[in-house]
Amino acid sequence: ENYISQKSGYNYSKVFDQYLKTIQIPKLEFYLENNKVFYRWTNCVKGFNLPLVLKSDAGMIKIIPTEEWKSLSLKDNEAGLFTENAIEKMYYVDAAQTVK
């Protein structure tokens, strides 16, 4: 665990806690509004901070969700990166588009 965090330059301790010490599958909740995406983690250990890189022909976005809602302005076709199916195929997480 320490080796991976040191070599990556990112503290993955809460990610290891989530996947090695619980049976909970983290859930990424998100919604789109006015060319922005709002997102957060639920069903996870406190401090869970798995970064996500979402890629397609439309582009690439890196986000680091937390348990608090965060937002990001989107350009062009980037909203197409936020689909439940695509996120769940790329990561061992549940994804749910919510309505705010």
PDB file of N, CA and C in Angstrom:
ATOM      1  N   GLU A   1       0.828  -1.196   0.000  1.00  0.00           N
ATOM      2  CA  GLU A   1       0.000   0.000   0.000  1.00  0.00           C
ATOM      3  C   GLU A   1       0.868   1.253   0.000  1.00  0.00           C
ATOM      4  N   ASN A   2       1.841   1.283   0.889  1.00  0.00           N
ATOM      5  CA  ASN A   2       2.731   2.447   0.949  1.00  0.00           C
ATOM      6  C   ASN A   2       3.529   2.600  -0.334  1.00  0.00           C
ATOM      7  N   TYR A   3       3.993   1.490  -0.890  1.00  0.00           N
ATOM      8  CA  TYR A   3       4.775   1.529  -2.118  1.00  0.00           C
ATOM      9  C   TYR A   3       3.983   2.186  -3.248  1.00  0.00           C
ATOM     10  N   ILE A   4       2.747   1.778  -3.426  1.00  0.00           N
ATOM     11  CA  ILE A   4       1.924   2.336  -4.504  1.00  0.00           C
ATOM     12  C   ILE A   4       1.680   3.822  -4.279  1.00  0.00           C
ATOM     13  N   SER A   5       1.365   4.202  -3.045  1.00  0.00           N
ATOM     14  CA  SER A   5       1.153   5.625  -2.758  1.00  0.00           C
ATOM     15  C   SER A   5       2.424   6.433  -2.992  1.00  0.00           C
ATOM     16  N   GLN A   6       3.562   5.906  -2.570  1.00  0.00           N
ATOM     17  CA  GLN A   6       4.820   6.631  -2.759  1.00  0.00           C
ATOM     18  C   GLN A   6       5.162   6.774  -4.241  1.00  0.00           C
ATOM     19  N   LYS A   7       5.057   5.696  -4.995  1.00  0.00           N
ATOM     20  CA  LYS A   7       5.428   5.721  -6.413  1.00  0.00           C
ATOM     21  C   LYS A   7       4.470   6.568  -7.249  1.00  0.00           C
ATOM     22  N   SER A   8       3.195   6.607  -6.851  1.00  0.00           N
ATOM     23  CA  SER A   8       2.216   7.387  -7.622  1.00  0.00           C
ATOM     24  C   SER A   8       2.193   8.855  -7.209  1.00  0.00           C
ATOM     25  N   GLY A   9       2.699   9.145  -6.014  1.00  0.00           N
ATOM     26  CA  GLY A   9       2.636  10.516  -5.515  1.00  0.00           C
ATOM     27  C   GLY A   9       1.241  10.903  -5.061  1.00  0.00           C
ATOM     28  N   TYR A  10       0.404   9.906  -4.783  1.00  0.00           N
ATOM     29  CA  TYR A  10      -0.981  10.152  -4.352  1.00  0.00           C
ATOM     30  C   TYR A  10      -1.287   9.214  -3.196  1.00  0.00           C
ATOM     31  N   ASN A  11      -1.951   9.704  -2.165  1.00  0.00           N
ATOM     32  CA  ASN A  11      -2.262   8.897  -0.996  1.00  0.00           C
ATOM     33  C   ASN A  11      -3.499   8.031  -1.258  1.00  0.00           C
ATOM     34  N   TYR A  12      -3.268   6.761  -1.513  1.00  0.00           N
ATOM     35  CA  TYR A  12      -4.346   5.811  -1.790  1.00  0.00           C
ATOM     36  C   TYR A  12      -4.809   5.054  -0.553  1.00  0.00           C
ATOM     37  N   SER A  13      -4.456   5.498   0.656  1.00  0.00           N
ATOM     38  CA  SER A  13      -4.786   4.730   1.866  1.00  0.00           C
ATOM     39  C   SER A  13      -6.289   4.507   2.029  1.00  0.00           C
ATOM     40  N   LYS A  14      -7.107   5.510   1.725  1.00  0.00           N
ATOM     41  CA  LYS A  14      -8.560   5.354   1.871  1.00  0.00           C
ATOM     42  C   LYS A  14      -9.147   4.462   0.773  1.00  0.00           C
ATOM     43  N   VAL A  15      -8.506   4.447  -0.378  1.00  0.00           N
ATOM     44  CA  VAL A  15      -8.933   3.541  -1.451  1.00  0.00           C
ATOM     45  C   VAL A  15      -8.669   2.097  -1.021  1.00  0.00           C
ATOM     46  N   PHE A  16      -7.487   1.837  -0.444  1.00  0.00           N
ATOM     47  CA  PHE A  16      -7.190   0.505   0.076  1.00  0.00           C
ATOM     48  C   PHE A  16      -8.143   0.135   1.207  1.00  0.00           C
ATOM     49  N   ASP A  17      -8.437   1.080   2.109  1.00  0.00           N
ATOM     50  CA  ASP A  17      -9.394   0.806   3.183  1.00  0.00           C
ATOM     51  C   ASP A  17     -10.739   0.372   2.609  1.00  0.00           C
ATOM     52  N   GLN A  18     -11.184   1.069   1.581  1.00  0.00           N
ATOM     53  CA  GLN A  18     -12.487   0.774   0.969  1.00  0.00           C
ATOM     54  C   GLN A  18     -12.516  -0.624   0.362  1.00  0.00           C
ATOM     55  N   TYR A  19     -11.548  -0.918  -0.472  1.00  0.00           N
ATOM     56  CA  TYR A  19     -11.593  -2.162  -1.241  1.00  0.00           C
ATOM     57  C   TYR A  19     -11.042  -3.376  -0.504  1.00  0.00           C
ATOM     58  N   LEU A  20     -10.204  -3.180   0.508  1.00  0.00           N
ATOM     59  CA  LEU A  20      -9.615  -4.318   1.218  1.00  0.00           C
ATOM     60  C   LEU A  20     -10.243  -4.585   2.574  1.00  0.00           C
ATOM     61  N   LYS A  21     -10.947  -3.592   3.124  1.00  0.00           N
ATOM     62  CA  LYS A  21     -11.445  -3.755   4.492  1.00  0.00           C
ATOM     63  C   LYS A  21     -12.960  -3.669   4.619  1.00  0.00           C
ATOM     64  N   THR A  22     -13.670  -3.435   3.513  1.00  0.00           N
ATOM     65  CA  THR A  22     -15.134  -3.415   3.554  1.00  0.00           C
ATOM     66  C   THR A  22     -15.666  -4.212   2.359  1.00  0.00           C
ATOM     67  N   ILE A  23     -16.943  -4.502   2.399  1.00  0.00           N
ATOM     68  CA  ILE A  23     -17.580  -5.150   1.245  1.00  0.00           C
ATOM     69  C   ILE A  23     -18.454  -4.158   0.488  1.00  0.00           C
ATOM     70  N   GLN A  24     -18.457  -2.916   0.928  1.00  0.00           N
ATOM     71  CA  GLN A  24     -19.250  -1.874   0.277  1.00  0.00           C
ATOM     72  C   GLN A  24     -18.659  -1.520  -1.085  1.00  0.00           C
ATOM     73  N   ILE A  25     -19.520  -1.366  -2.067  1.00  0.00           N
ATOM     74  CA  ILE A  25     -19.087  -0.877  -3.368  1.00  0.00           C
ATOM     75  C   ILE A  25     -19.360   0.623  -3.388  1.00  0.00           C
ATOM     76  N   PRO A  26     -18.334   1.443  -3.572  1.00  0.00           N
ATOM     77  CA  PRO A  26     -18.559   2.885  -3.575  1.00  0.00           C
ATOM     78  C   PRO A  26     -19.488   3.279  -4.724  1.00  0.00           C
ATOM     79  N   LYS A  27     -20.287   4.305  -4.488  1.00  0.00           N
ATOM     80  CA  LYS A  27     -21.226   4.775  -5.507  1.00  0.00           C
ATOM     81  C   LYS A  27     -20.886   6.200  -5.887  1.00  0.00           C
ATOM     82  N   LEU A  28     -20.734   6.427  -7.178  1.00  0.00           N
ATOM     83  CA  LEU A  28     -20.541   7.777  -7.694  1.00  0.00           C
ATOM     84  C   LEU A  28     -21.911   8.308  -8.088  1.00  0.00           C
ATOM     85  N   GLU A  29     -22.372   9.325  -7.392  1.00  0.00           N
ATOM     86  CA  GLU A  29     -23.613  10.002  -7.755  1.00  0.00           C
ATOM     87  C   GLU A  29     -23.240  11.241  -8.555  1.00  0.00           C
ATOM     88  N   PHE A  30     -23.989  11.494  -9.616  1.00  0.00           N
ATOM     89  CA  PHE A  30     -23.698  12.677 -10.423  1.00  0.00           C
ATOM     90  C   PHE A  30     -24.969  13.166 -11.090  1.00  0.00           C
ATOM     91  N   TYR A  31     -24.954  14.445 -11.455  1.00  0.00           N
ATOM     92  CA  TYR A  31     -26.022  14.999 -12.283  1.00  0.00           C
ATOM     93  C   TYR A  31     -25.439  16.133 -13.124  1.00  0.00           C
ATOM     94  N   LEU A  32     -26.103  16.375 -14.236  1.00  0.00           N
ATOM     95  CA  LEU A  32     -25.674  17.392 -15.185  1.00  0.00           C
ATOM     96  C   LEU A  32     -26.667  18.540 -15.157  1.00  0.00           C
ATOM     97  N   GLU A  33     -26.126  19.764 -15.161  1.00  0.00           N
ATOM     98  CA  GLU A  33     -26.988  20.947 -15.126  1.00  0.00           C
ATOM     99  C   GLU A  33     -26.233  22.143 -15.694  1.00  0.00           C
ATOM    100  N   ASN A  34     -26.804  22.786 -16.704  1.00  0.00           N
ATOM    101  CA  ASN A  34     -26.224  24.009 -17.282  1.00  0.00           C
ATOM    102  C   ASN A  34     -24.744  23.865 -17.629  1.00  0.00           C
ATOM    103  N   ASN A  35     -24.399  22.874 -18.421  1.00  0.00           N
ATOM    104  CA  ASN A  35     -23.017  22.637 -18.852  1.00  0.00           C
ATOM    105  C   ASN A  35     -22.048  22.393 -17.703  1.00  0.00           C
ATOM    106  N   LYS A  36     -22.554  21.865 -16.596  1.00  0.00           N
ATOM    107  CA  LYS A  36     -21.717  21.496 -15.460  1.00  0.00           C
ATOM    108  C   LYS A  36     -22.104  20.092 -15.019  1.00  0.00           C
ATOM    109  N   VAL A  37     -21.128  19.388 -14.453  1.00  0.00           N
ATOM    110  CA  VAL A  37     -21.408  18.109 -13.813  1.00  0.00           C
ATOM    111  C   VAL A  37     -21.155  18.285 -12.321  1.00  0.00           C
ATOM    112  N   PHE A  38     -22.046  17.739 -11.523  1.00  0.00           N
ATOM    113  CA  PHE A  38     -21.930  17.735 -10.065  1.00  0.00           C
ATOM    114  C   PHE A  38     -21.761  16.280  -9.656  1.00  0.00           C
ATOM    115  N   TYR A  39     -20.858  15.987  -8.736  1.00  0.00           N
ATOM    116  CA  TYR A  39     -20.544  14.598  -8.415  1.00  0.00           C
ATOM    117  C   TYR A  39     -20.071  14.454  -6.970  1.00  0.00           C
ATOM    118  N   ARG A  40     -20.249  13.235  -6.424  1.00  0.00           N
ATOM    119  CA  ARG A  40     -19.765  12.910  -5.083  1.00  0.00           C
ATOM    120  C   ARG A  40     -19.762  11.400  -4.898  1.00  0.00           C
ATOM    121  N   TRP A  41     -19.016  10.917  -3.885  1.00  0.00           N
ATOM    122  CA  TRP A  41     -19.027   9.517  -3.482  1.00  0.00           C
ATOM    123  C   TRP A  41     -20.036   9.298  -2.374  1.00  0.00           C
ATOM    124  N   THR A  42     -20.734   8.168  -2.416  1.00  0.00           N
ATOM    125  CA  THR A  42     -21.551   7.698  -1.302  1.00  0.00           C
ATOM    126  C   THR A  42     -21.236   6.218  -1.104  1.00  0.00           C
ATOM    127  N   ASN A  43     -21.745   5.625  -0.022  1.00  0.00           N
ATOM    128  CA  ASN A  43     -21.533   4.209   0.299  1.00  0.00           C
ATOM    129  C   ASN A  43     -20.038   3.878   0.361  1.00  0.00           C
ATOM    130  N   CYS A  44     -19.298   4.730   1.040  1.00  0.00           N
ATOM    131  CA  CYS A  44     -17.849   4.544   1.087  1.00  0.00           C
ATOM    132  C   CYS A  44     -17.314   4.901   2.475  1.00  0.00           C
ATOM    133  N   VAL A  45     -16.068   4.512   2.722  1.00  0.00           N
ATOM    134  CA  VAL A  45     -15.420   4.873   3.977  1.00  0.00           C
ATOM    135  C   VAL A  45     -15.162   6.378   3.989  1.00  0.00           C
ATOM    136  N   LYS A  46     -15.130   6.938   5.175  1.00  0.00           N
ATOM    137  CA  LYS A  46     -14.871   8.372   5.296  1.00  0.00           C
ATOM    138  C   LYS A  46     -13.499   8.694   4.711  1.00  0.00           C
ATOM    139  N   GLY A  47     -13.467   9.689   3.855  1.00  0.00           N
ATOM    140  CA  GLY A  47     -12.214  10.109   3.243  1.00  0.00           C
ATOM    141  C   GLY A  47     -11.883   9.395   1.938  1.00  0.00           C
ATOM    142  N   PHE A  48     -12.788   8.528   1.457  1.00  0.00           N
ATOM    143  CA  PHE A  48     -12.541   7.812   0.196  1.00  0.00           C
ATOM    144  C   PHE A  48     -12.288   8.819  -0.912  1.00  0.00           C
ATOM    145  N   ASN A  49     -11.197   8.620  -1.674  1.00  0.00           N
ATOM    146  CA  ASN A  49     -10.768   9.636  -2.636  1.00  0.00           C
ATOM    147  C   ASN A  49     -10.243   9.038  -3.945  1.00  0.00           C
ATOM    148  N   LEU A  50     -10.889   8.014  -4.441  1.00  0.00           N
ATOM    149  CA  LEU A  50     -10.440   7.395  -5.688  1.00  0.00           C
ATOM    150  C   LEU A  50     -10.583   8.373  -6.843  1.00  0.00           C
ATOM    151  N   PRO A  51      -9.474   8.724  -7.506  1.00  0.00           N
ATOM    152  CA  PRO A  51      -9.574   9.596  -8.675  1.00  0.00           C
ATOM    153  C   PRO A  51     -10.112   8.803  -9.866  1.00  0.00           C
ATOM    154  N   LEU A  52     -10.896   9.458 -10.705  1.00  0.00           N
ATOM    155  CA  LEU A  52     -11.450   8.828 -11.890  1.00  0.00           C
ATOM    156  C   LEU A  52     -10.974   9.569 -13.130  1.00  0.00           C
ATOM    157  N   VAL A  53     -10.558   8.822 -14.123  1.00  0.00           N
ATOM    158  CA  VAL A  53     -10.236   9.379 -15.430  1.00  0.00           C
ATOM    159  C   VAL A  53     -11.269   8.802 -16.384  1.00  0.00           C
ATOM    160  N   LEU A  54     -12.077   9.669 -16.962  1.00  0.00           N
ATOM    161  CA  LEU A  54     -13.129   9.259 -17.879  1.00  0.00           C
ATOM    162  C   LEU A  54     -12.693   9.634 -19.285  1.00  0.00           C
ATOM    163  N   LYS A  55     -12.675   8.641 -20.193  1.00  0.00           N
ATOM    164  CA  LYS A  55     -12.174   8.871 -21.547  1.00  0.00           C
ATOM    165  C   LYS A  55     -13.129   8.301 -22.579  1.00  0.00           C
ATOM    166  N   SER A  56     -13.193   8.971 -23.697  1.00  0.00           N
ATOM    167  CA  SER A  56     -13.901   8.477 -24.877  1.00  0.00           C
ATOM    168  C   SER A  56     -13.425   9.308 -26.062  1.00  0.00           C
ATOM    169  N   ASP A  57     -14.040   9.090 -27.214  1.00  0.00           N
ATOM    170  CA  ASP A  57     -13.708   9.907 -28.374  1.00  0.00           C
ATOM    171  C   ASP A  57     -14.046  11.383 -28.123  1.00  0.00           C
ATOM    172  N   ALA A  58     -14.948  11.632 -27.164  1.00  0.00           N
ATOM    173  CA  ALA A  58     -15.360  13.003 -26.834  1.00  0.00           C
ATOM    174  C   ALA A  58     -14.288  13.757 -26.059  1.00  0.00           C
ATOM    175  N   GLY A  59     -13.329  13.025 -25.484  1.00  0.00           N
ATOM    176  CA  GLY A  59     -12.280  13.684 -24.721  1.00  0.00           C
ATOM    177  C   GLY A  59     -11.922  12.922 -23.468  1.00  0.00           C
ATOM    178  N   MET A  60     -11.334  13.625 -22.518  1.00  0.00           N
ATOM    179  CA  MET A  60     -10.897  13.024 -21.266  1.00  0.00           C
ATOM    180  C   MET A  60     -11.076  14.030 -20.135  1.00  0.00           C
ATOM    181  N   ILE A  61     -11.527  13.534 -18.998  1.00  0.00           N
ATOM    182  CA  ILE A  61     -11.671  14.359 -17.794  1.00  0.00           C
ATOM    183  C   ILE A  61     -11.136  13.555 -16.621  1.00  0.00           C
ATOM    184  N   LYS A  62     -10.394  14.210 -15.736  1.00  0.00           N
ATOM    185  CA  LYS A  62      -9.971  13.592 -14.474  1.00  0.00           C
ATOM    186  C   LYS A  62     -10.697  14.318 -13.353  1.00  0.00           C
ATOM    187  N   ILE A  63     -11.364  13.543 -12.495  1.00  0.00           N
ATOM    188  CA  ILE A  63     -12.033  14.115 -11.333  1.00  0.00           C
ATOM    189  C   ILE A  63     -11.600  13.352 -10.084  1.00  0.00           C
ATOM    190  N   ILE A  64     -11.641  14.023  -8.955  1.00  0.00           N
ATOM    191  CA  ILE A  64     -11.376  13.376  -7.672  1.00  0.00           C
ATOM    192  C   ILE A  64     -12.575  13.656  -6.769  1.00  0.00           C
ATOM    193  N   PRO A  65     -13.591  12.798  -6.866  1.00  0.00           N
ATOM    194  CA  PRO A  65     -14.780  13.001  -6.035  1.00  0.00           C
ATOM    195  C   PRO A  65     -14.467  12.825  -4.555  1.00  0.00           C
ATOM    196  N   THR A  66     -15.272  13.444  -3.722  1.00  0.00           N
ATOM    197  CA  THR A  66     -15.235  13.262  -2.273  1.00  0.00           C
ATOM    198  C   THR A  66     -16.669  12.996  -1.824  1.00  0.00           C
ATOM    199  N   GLU A  67     -16.897  12.991  -0.530  1.00  0.00           N
ATOM    200  CA  GLU A  67     -18.254  12.790  -0.022  1.00  0.00           C
ATOM    201  C   GLU A  67     -19.103  14.060  -0.129  1.00  0.00           C
ATOM    202  N   GLU A  68     -18.465  15.178  -0.410  1.00  0.00           N
ATOM    203  CA  GLU A  68     -19.171  16.446  -0.612  1.00  0.00           C
ATOM    204  C   GLU A  68     -19.361  16.669  -2.105  1.00  0.00           C
ATOM    205  N   TRP A  69     -20.472  17.314  -2.462  1.00  0.00           N
ATOM    206  CA  TRP A  69     -20.702  17.611  -3.868  1.00  0.00           C
ATOM    207  C   TRP A  69     -19.600  18.521  -4.399  1.00  0.00           C
ATOM    208  N   LYS A  70     -19.061  18.184  -5.556  1.00  0.00           N
ATOM    209  CA  LYS A  70     -18.119  19.025  -6.286  1.00  0.00           C
ATOM    210  C   LYS A  70     -18.717  19.273  -7.661  1.00  0.00           C
ATOM    211  N   SER A  71     -18.183  20.258  -8.371  1.00  0.00           N
ATOM    212  CA  SER A  71     -18.693  20.519  -9.719  1.00  0.00           C
ATOM    213  C   SER A  71     -17.538  20.833 -10.662  1.00  0.00           C
ATOM    214  N   LEU A  72     -17.821  20.666 -11.952  1.00  0.00           N
ATOM    215  CA  LEU A  72     -16.845  20.924 -12.986  1.00  0.00           C
ATOM    216  C   LEU A  72     -17.589  21.439 -14.209  1.00  0.00           C
ATOM    217  N   SER A  73     -17.098  22.533 -14.774  1.00  0.00           N
ATOM    218  CA  SER A  73     -17.682  23.043 -16.017  1.00  0.00           C
ATOM    219  C   SER A  73     -17.261  22.146 -17.167  1.00  0.00           C
ATOM    220  N   LEU A  74     -18.203  21.853 -18.042  1.00  0.00           N
ATOM    221  CA  LEU A  74     -17.956  20.966 -19.175  1.00  0.00           C
ATOM    222  C   LEU A  74     -17.901  21.756 -20.465  1.00  0.00           C
ATOM    223  N   LYS A  75     -17.108  21.269 -21.407  1.00  0.00           N
ATOM    224  CA  LYS A  75     -17.070  21.895 -22.719  1.00  0.00           C
ATOM    225  C   LYS A  75     -17.399  20.851 -23.782  1.00  0.00           C
ATOM    226  N   ASP A  76     -17.811  21.351 -24.938  1.00  0.00           N
ATOM    227  CA  ASP A  76     -18.111  20.511 -26.094  1.00  0.00           C
ATOM    228  C   ASP A  76     -18.964  19.293 -25.721  1.00  0.00           C
ATOM    229  N   ASN A  77     -18.471  18.095 -26.028  1.00  0.00           N
ATOM    230  CA  ASN A  77     -19.236  16.871 -25.808  1.00  0.00           C
ATOM    231  C   ASN A  77     -18.840  16.140 -24.531  1.00  0.00           C
ATOM    232  N   GLU A  78     -18.212  16.824 -23.585  1.00  0.00           N
ATOM    233  CA  GLU A  78     -17.717  16.157 -22.376  1.00  0.00           C
ATOM    234  C   GLU A  78     -18.829  15.564 -21.518  1.00  0.00           C
ATOM    235  N   ALA A  79     -20.041  16.067 -21.616  1.00  0.00           N
ATOM    236  CA  ALA A  79     -21.144  15.497 -20.838  1.00  0.00           C
ATOM    237  C   ALA A  79     -21.341  14.029 -21.188  1.00  0.00           C
ATOM    238  N   GLY A  80     -20.987  13.648 -22.407  1.00  0.00           N
ATOM    239  CA  GLY A  80     -21.108  12.262 -22.832  1.00  0.00           C
ATOM    240  C   GLY A  80     -20.181  11.309 -22.096  1.00  0.00           C
ATOM    241  N   LEU A  81     -19.192  11.836 -21.393  1.00  0.00           N
ATOM    242  CA  LEU A  81     -18.306  10.995 -20.587  1.00  0.00           C
ATOM    243  C   LEU A  81     -18.992  10.486 -19.334  1.00  0.00           C
ATOM    244  N   PHE A  82     -20.048  11.159 -18.925  1.00  0.00           N
ATOM    245  CA  PHE A  82     -20.729  10.821 -17.674  1.00  0.00           C
ATOM    246  C   PHE A  82     -21.956   9.966 -17.949  1.00  0.00           C
ATOM    247  N   THR A  83     -21.704   8.664 -18.124  1.00  0.00           N
ATOM    248  CA  THR A  83     -22.783   7.691 -18.256  1.00  0.00           C
ATOM    249  C   THR A  83     -22.535   6.588 -17.239  1.00  0.00           C
ATOM    250  N   GLU A  84     -23.595   6.116 -16.632  1.00  0.00           N
ATOM    251  CA  GLU A  84     -23.460   5.080 -15.606  1.00  0.00           C
ATOM    252  C   GLU A  84     -22.718   3.867 -16.152  1.00  0.00           C
ATOM    253  N   ASN A  85     -23.129   3.404 -17.305  1.00  0.00           N
ATOM    254  CA  ASN A  85     -22.555   2.198 -17.887  1.00  0.00           C
ATOM    255  C   ASN A  85     -21.059   2.344 -18.147  1.00  0.00           C
ATOM    256  N   ALA A  86     -20.654   3.452 -18.735  1.00  0.00           N
ATOM    257  CA  ALA A  86     -19.238   3.668 -19.048  1.00  0.00           C
ATOM    258  C   ALA A  86     -18.389   3.722 -17.780  1.00  0.00           C
ATOM    259  N   ILE A  87     -18.868   4.410 -16.760  1.00  0.00           N
ATOM    260  CA  ILE A  87     -18.118   4.534 -15.503  1.00  0.00           C
ATOM    261  C   ILE A  87     -17.977   3.169 -14.834  1.00  0.00           C
ATOM    262  N   GLU A  88     -19.059   2.407 -14.802  1.00  0.00           N
ATOM    263  CA  GLU A  88     -19.027   1.092 -14.153  1.00  0.00           C
ATOM    264  C   GLU A  88     -18.145   0.103 -14.911  1.00  0.00           C
ATOM    265  N   LYS A  89     -18.002   0.262 -16.222  1.00  0.00           N
ATOM    266  CA  LYS A  89     -17.111  -0.611 -16.991  1.00  0.00           C
ATOM    267  C   LYS A  89     -15.647  -0.301 -16.706  1.00  0.00           C
ATOM    268  N   MET A  90     -15.350   0.951 -16.412  1.00  0.00           N
ATOM    269  CA  MET A  90     -13.967   1.364 -16.210  1.00  0.00           C
ATOM    270  C   MET A  90     -13.480   1.163 -14.773  1.00  0.00           C
ATOM    271  N   TYR A  91     -14.400   1.195 -13.801  1.00  0.00           N
ATOM    272  CA  TYR A  91     -14.022   1.137 -12.383  1.00  0.00           C
ATOM    273  C   TYR A  91     -14.950   0.199 -11.633  1.00  0.00           C
ATOM    274  N   TYR A  92     -14.465  -0.368 -10.522  1.00  0.00           N
ATOM    275  CA  TYR A  92     -15.301  -1.213  -9.679  1.00  0.00           C
ATOM    276  C   TYR A  92     -16.066  -0.304  -8.708  1.00  0.00           C
ATOM    277  N   VAL A  93     -17.067   0.368  -9.267  1.00  0.00           N
ATOM    278  CA  VAL A  93     -17.937   1.272  -8.518  1.00  0.00           C
ATOM    279  C   VAL A  93     -19.345   1.155  -9.095  1.00  0.00           C
ATOM    280  N   ASP A  94     -20.311   1.581  -8.303  1.00  0.00           N
ATOM    281  CA  ASP A  94     -21.664   1.801  -8.825  1.00  0.00           C
ATOM    282  C   ASP A  94     -21.727   3.257  -9.240  1.00  0.00           C
ATOM    283  N   ALA A  95     -22.495   3.538 -10.268  1.00  0.00           N
ATOM    284  CA  ALA A  95     -22.675   4.915 -10.702  1.00  0.00           C
ATOM    285  C   ALA A  95     -24.167   5.172 -10.858  1.00  0.00           C
ATOM    286  N   ALA A  96     -24.602   6.343 -10.440  1.00  0.00           N
ATOM    287  CA  ALA A  96     -26.016   6.667 -10.519  1.00  0.00           C
ATOM    288  C   ALA A  96     -26.192   8.136 -10.870  1.00  0.00           C
ATOM    289  N   GLN A  97     -26.873   8.380 -11.969  1.00  0.00           N
ATOM    290  CA  GLN A  97     -27.210   9.763 -12.303  1.00  0.00           C
ATOM    291  C   GLN A  97     -28.430  10.121 -11.485  1.00  0.00           C
ATOM    292  N   THR A  98     -28.322  11.197 -10.724  1.00  0.00           N
ATOM    293  CA  THR A  98     -29.387  11.624  -9.836  1.00  0.00           C
ATOM    294  C   THR A  98     -30.014  12.906 -10.361  1.00  0.00           C
ATOM    295  N   VAL A  99     -31.116  13.267  -9.776  1.00  0.00           N
ATOM    296  CA  VAL A  99     -31.782  14.527 -10.113  1.00  0.00           C
ATOM    297  C   VAL A  99     -31.668  15.417  -8.895  1.00  0.00           C
ATOM    298  N   LYS A 100     -31.201  16.597  -9.082  1.00  0.00           N
ATOM    299  CA  LYS A 100     -31.045  17.530  -7.949  1.00  0.00           C
ATOM    300  C   LYS A 100     -32.181  18.515  -7.940  1.00  0.00           C
TER     301      LYS A 100
END
